[in-house]
Amino acid sequence: MLRASLDADTDGHEAYVAAAADNYIDAPTAAAIEAAWGELPEQCSIADDQAAFSTEKAEHELGWSPDHSWRTAATADVSGPQL
């Protein structure tokens, strides 16, 4: 996301969420939210293990999307960051 942000043709600054597209728990996200807070917000449309944080803005404005999943990150062979 850092590279996509630096390469973007924009003025000023914007805030983006960088997160995996899935949750890291062994339960559906909506069920976990309900268990913690008792109910889902009315506008909530989280399906299955979809992350509670959206990267949609970064996908739309920067063309960025997560390369990794929480489920595969622990065992993935990923090279370090490059600038």
Protein backbone atom coordinates (compact mmCIF):
# COMPACT_ATOMS: atom_id res chain seq x y z
CA MET A 1 0.00 0.00 0.00
CA LEU A 2 2.88 2.36 0.69
CA ARG A 3 4.06 2.15 -2.91
CA ALA A 4 0.51 2.61 -4.24
CA SER A 5 0.08 5.68 -2.01
CA LEU A 6 3.35 7.24 -3.14
CA ASP A 7 2.56 6.57 -6.80
CA ALA A 8 -0.99 7.97 -6.59
CA ASP A 9 -1.65 11.19 -8.50
CA THR A 10 -3.30 13.09 -5.65
CA ASP A 11 -2.91 16.35 -3.79
CA GLY A 12 -2.84 16.45 -0.02
CA HIS A 13 -3.31 13.34 2.06
CA GLU A 14 -5.85 10.58 2.61
CA ALA A 15 -6.26 7.88 5.26
CA TYR A 16 -6.52 4.25 4.13
CA VAL A 17 -6.96 0.93 5.90
CA ALA A 18 -4.35 -1.74 5.16
CA ALA A 19 -5.60 -5.10 6.37
CA ALA A 20 -6.21 -8.63 5.20
CA ALA A 21 -9.59 -9.24 3.58
CA ASP A 22 -10.45 -11.97 6.10
CA ASN A 23 -10.61 -12.18 9.88
CA TYR A 24 -8.07 -14.12 11.94
CA ILE A 25 -10.51 -15.91 14.22
CA ASP A 26 -12.04 -19.31 13.70
CA ALA A 27 -15.62 -17.99 13.48
CA PRO A 28 -17.73 -15.86 11.14
CA THR A 29 -17.06 -12.14 11.70
CA ALA A 30 -20.73 -11.25 12.22
CA ALA A 31 -21.06 -13.93 14.94
CA ALA A 32 -17.95 -12.59 16.70
CA ILE A 33 -19.31 -9.03 16.64
CA GLU A 34 -22.65 -10.20 18.03
CA ALA A 35 -20.89 -12.20 20.76
CA ALA A 36 -18.82 -9.17 21.81
CA TRP A 37 -21.38 -6.37 21.46
CA GLY A 38 -24.76 -8.16 21.48
CA GLU A 39 -25.91 -7.12 18.03
CA LEU A 40 -24.78 -5.96 14.62
CA PRO A 41 -25.24 -2.38 13.43
CA GLU A 42 -28.20 -2.01 11.06
CA GLN A 43 -25.98 -1.22 8.05
CA CYS A 44 -23.71 -4.23 8.65
CA SER A 45 -23.38 -6.66 5.76
CA ILE A 46 -20.35 -8.75 6.74
CA ALA A 47 -20.37 -12.23 5.25
CA ASP A 48 -18.54 -15.33 6.49
CA ASP A 49 -14.95 -14.49 7.53
CA GLN A 50 -14.87 -11.10 5.80
CA ALA A 51 -12.73 -8.57 7.69
CA ALA A 52 -14.50 -6.03 9.90
CA PHE A 53 -12.30 -3.28 8.42
CA SER A 54 -12.81 -2.41 4.76
CA THR A 55 -10.00 -1.77 2.29
CA GLU A 56 -12.54 -0.70 -0.34
CA LYS A 57 -11.33 2.93 -0.40
CA ALA A 58 -7.73 1.85 -1.07
CA GLU A 59 -8.91 -0.58 -3.75
CA HIS A 60 -10.99 2.09 -5.48
CA GLU A 61 -8.62 5.07 -5.18
CA LEU A 62 -5.20 3.38 -5.30
CA GLY A 63 -5.85 0.08 -7.06
CA TRP A 64 -4.50 -1.66 -3.93
CA SER A 65 -5.81 -4.88 -2.45
CA PRO A 66 -4.38 -7.23 0.20
CA ASP A 67 -1.88 -9.81 -1.09
CA HIS A 68 -2.13 -12.05 1.96
CA SER A 69 -4.70 -13.72 4.15
CA TRP A 70 -4.53 -14.10 7.93
CA ARG A 71 -4.92 -17.84 7.40
CA THR A 72 -1.86 -18.15 5.19
CA ALA A 73 0.32 -15.35 6.61
CA ALA A 74 1.70 -17.40 9.50
CA THR A 75 3.23 -19.98 7.18
CA ALA A 76 3.88 -17.80 4.13
CA ASP A 77 7.39 -17.23 2.85
CA VAL A 78 7.26 -13.46 2.33
CA SER A 79 10.23 -11.27 1.53
CA GLY A 80 10.81 -8.13 3.58
CA PRO A 81 9.61 -4.70 2.52
CA GLN A 82 11.33 -2.93 -0.33
CA LEU A 83 11.40 0.82 -0.82
